[in-house]
Amino acid sequence: MTEPKATGPASYFPSIEKKYGKPIADWKALVRAALPAKHMELVAMLKEQHGLGHGHANAIVAHTLAEADG
């Protein structure tokens, strides 16, 4: 059986891990460590301090914050 295809922000995760060489759990830990902060502040942090592209940073932040709200 194949796993269901990821949708939404999680659909970016395989390419993020491949491009930046870190597991998603590491990126999420960085976001959680920077809380409390606004969504776009967290995106800017990932872009400026870690070199992520906007879409990848946004996907990680959105997914992490959605988990925190859940």
C-alpha atoms as a PDB file:
ATOM      1  CA  MET A   1       0.000   0.000   0.000  1.00  0.00           C
ATOM      2  CA  THR A   2       1.146   3.511  -0.671  1.00  0.00           C
ATOM      3  CA  GLU A   3       0.873   6.294   1.849  1.00  0.00           C
ATOM      4  CA  PRO A   4      -1.690   9.006   1.158  1.00  0.00           C
ATOM      5  CA  LYS A   5      -0.248  11.951  -0.724  1.00  0.00           C
ATOM      6  CA  ALA A   6       0.507  14.910   1.537  1.00  0.00           C
ATOM      7  CA  THR A   7      -1.498  18.040   0.898  1.00  0.00           C
ATOM      8  CA  GLY A   8      -1.221  21.642   2.037  1.00  0.00           C
ATOM      9  CA  PRO A   9       2.000  22.770   3.704  1.00  0.00           C
ATOM     10  CA  ALA A  10       3.135  19.180   4.299  1.00  0.00           C
ATOM     11  CA  SER A  11       3.357  18.639   0.532  1.00  0.00           C
ATOM     12  CA  TYR A  12       6.541  20.760   0.603  1.00  0.00           C
ATOM     13  CA  PHE A  13       8.269  18.660   3.273  1.00  0.00           C
ATOM     14  CA  PRO A  14      10.096  16.146   1.052  1.00  0.00           C
ATOM     15  CA  SER A  15      11.633  18.912  -1.072  1.00  0.00           C
ATOM     16  CA  ILE A  16      12.534  20.954   2.036  1.00  0.00           C
ATOM     17  CA  GLU A  17      14.364  18.004   3.573  1.00  0.00           C
ATOM     18  CA  LYS A  18      16.159  17.273   0.299  1.00  0.00           C
ATOM     19  CA  LYS A  19      17.156  20.890  -0.389  1.00  0.00           C
ATOM     20  CA  TYR A  20      18.263  21.920   3.109  1.00  0.00           C
ATOM     21  CA  GLY A  21      19.445  18.567   4.483  1.00  0.00           C
ATOM     22  CA  LYS A  22      17.566  18.693   7.797  1.00  0.00           C
ATOM     23  CA  PRO A  23      14.481  16.771   8.871  1.00  0.00           C
ATOM     24  CA  ILE A  24      11.251  18.724   9.209  1.00  0.00           C
ATOM     25  CA  ALA A  25      11.271  18.045  12.959  1.00  0.00           C
ATOM     26  CA  ASP A  26      14.421  20.188  13.253  1.00  0.00           C
ATOM     27  CA  TRP A  27      12.821  23.104  11.411  1.00  0.00           C
ATOM     28  CA  LYS A  28       9.661  22.824  13.518  1.00  0.00           C
ATOM     29  CA  ALA A  29      11.765  22.837  16.693  1.00  0.00           C
ATOM     30  CA  LEU A  30      13.369  26.108  15.567  1.00  0.00           C
ATOM     31  CA  VAL A  31       9.938  27.639  15.002  1.00  0.00           C
ATOM     32  CA  ARG A  32       8.619  26.441  18.379  1.00  0.00           C
ATOM     33  CA  ALA A  33      11.749  27.794  20.120  1.00  0.00           C
ATOM     34  CA  ALA A  34      11.049  31.248  18.638  1.00  0.00           C
ATOM     35  CA  LEU A  35       7.462  31.380  19.952  1.00  0.00           C
ATOM     36  CA  PRO A  36       5.650  33.528  20.794  1.00  0.00           C
ATOM     37  CA  ALA A  37       6.035  35.392  17.522  1.00  0.00           C
ATOM     38  CA  LYS A  38       3.840  36.326  14.600  1.00  0.00           C
ATOM     39  CA  HIS A  39       3.603  34.070  11.566  1.00  0.00           C
ATOM     40  CA  MET A  40       5.551  36.382   9.266  1.00  0.00           C
ATOM     41  CA  GLU A  41       8.208  37.031  11.925  1.00  0.00           C
ATOM     42  CA  LEU A  42       8.821  33.287  12.048  1.00  0.00           C
ATOM     43  CA  VAL A  43       8.947  33.091   8.247  1.00  0.00           C
ATOM     44  CA  ALA A  44      11.469  35.957   8.186  1.00  0.00           C
ATOM     45  CA  MET A  45      13.602  34.217  10.822  1.00  0.00           C
ATOM     46  CA  LEU A  46      13.811  31.014   8.768  1.00  0.00           C
ATOM     47  CA  LYS A  47      14.627  32.981   5.622  1.00  0.00           C
ATOM     48  CA  GLU A  48      17.188  35.357   7.134  1.00  0.00           C
ATOM     49  CA  GLN A  49      18.932  33.079   9.621  1.00  0.00           C
ATOM     50  CA  HIS A  50      18.707  29.759   7.778  1.00  0.00           C
ATOM     51  CA  GLY A  51      18.438  30.634   4.077  1.00  0.00           C
ATOM     52  CA  LEU A  52      15.067  29.037   3.381  1.00  0.00           C
ATOM     53  CA  GLY A  53      12.965  30.275   0.504  1.00  0.00           C
ATOM     54  CA  HIS A  54       9.707  32.051   1.299  1.00  0.00           C
ATOM     55  CA  GLY A  55       7.411  29.182   0.287  1.00  0.00           C
ATOM     56  CA  HIS A  56       9.364  26.595   2.254  1.00  0.00           C
ATOM     57  CA  ALA A  57       9.595  28.800   5.346  1.00  0.00           C
ATOM     58  CA  ASN A  58       5.894  29.606   5.144  1.00  0.00           C
ATOM     59  CA  ALA A  59       4.956  25.923   4.840  1.00  0.00           C
ATOM     60  CA  ILE A  60       6.969  24.987   7.935  1.00  0.00           C
ATOM     61  CA  VAL A  61       5.558  27.855   9.993  1.00  0.00           C
ATOM     62  CA  ALA A  62       1.959  27.251   8.886  1.00  0.00           C
ATOM     63  CA  HIS A  63       2.146  23.528   9.674  1.00  0.00           C
ATOM     64  CA  THR A  64       3.855  24.088  13.040  1.00  0.00           C
ATOM     65  CA  LEU A  65       1.369  26.738  14.155  1.00  0.00           C
ATOM     66  CA  ALA A  66      -1.584  24.595  13.035  1.00  0.00           C
ATOM     67  CA  GLU A  67      -0.295  21.750  15.213  1.00  0.00           C
ATOM     68  CA  ALA A  68       0.054  24.122  18.181  1.00  0.00           C
ATOM     69  CA  ASP A  69      -3.547  25.295  17.736  1.00  0.00           C
ATOM     70  CA  GLY A  70      -4.833  21.744  17.393  1.00  0.00           C
END
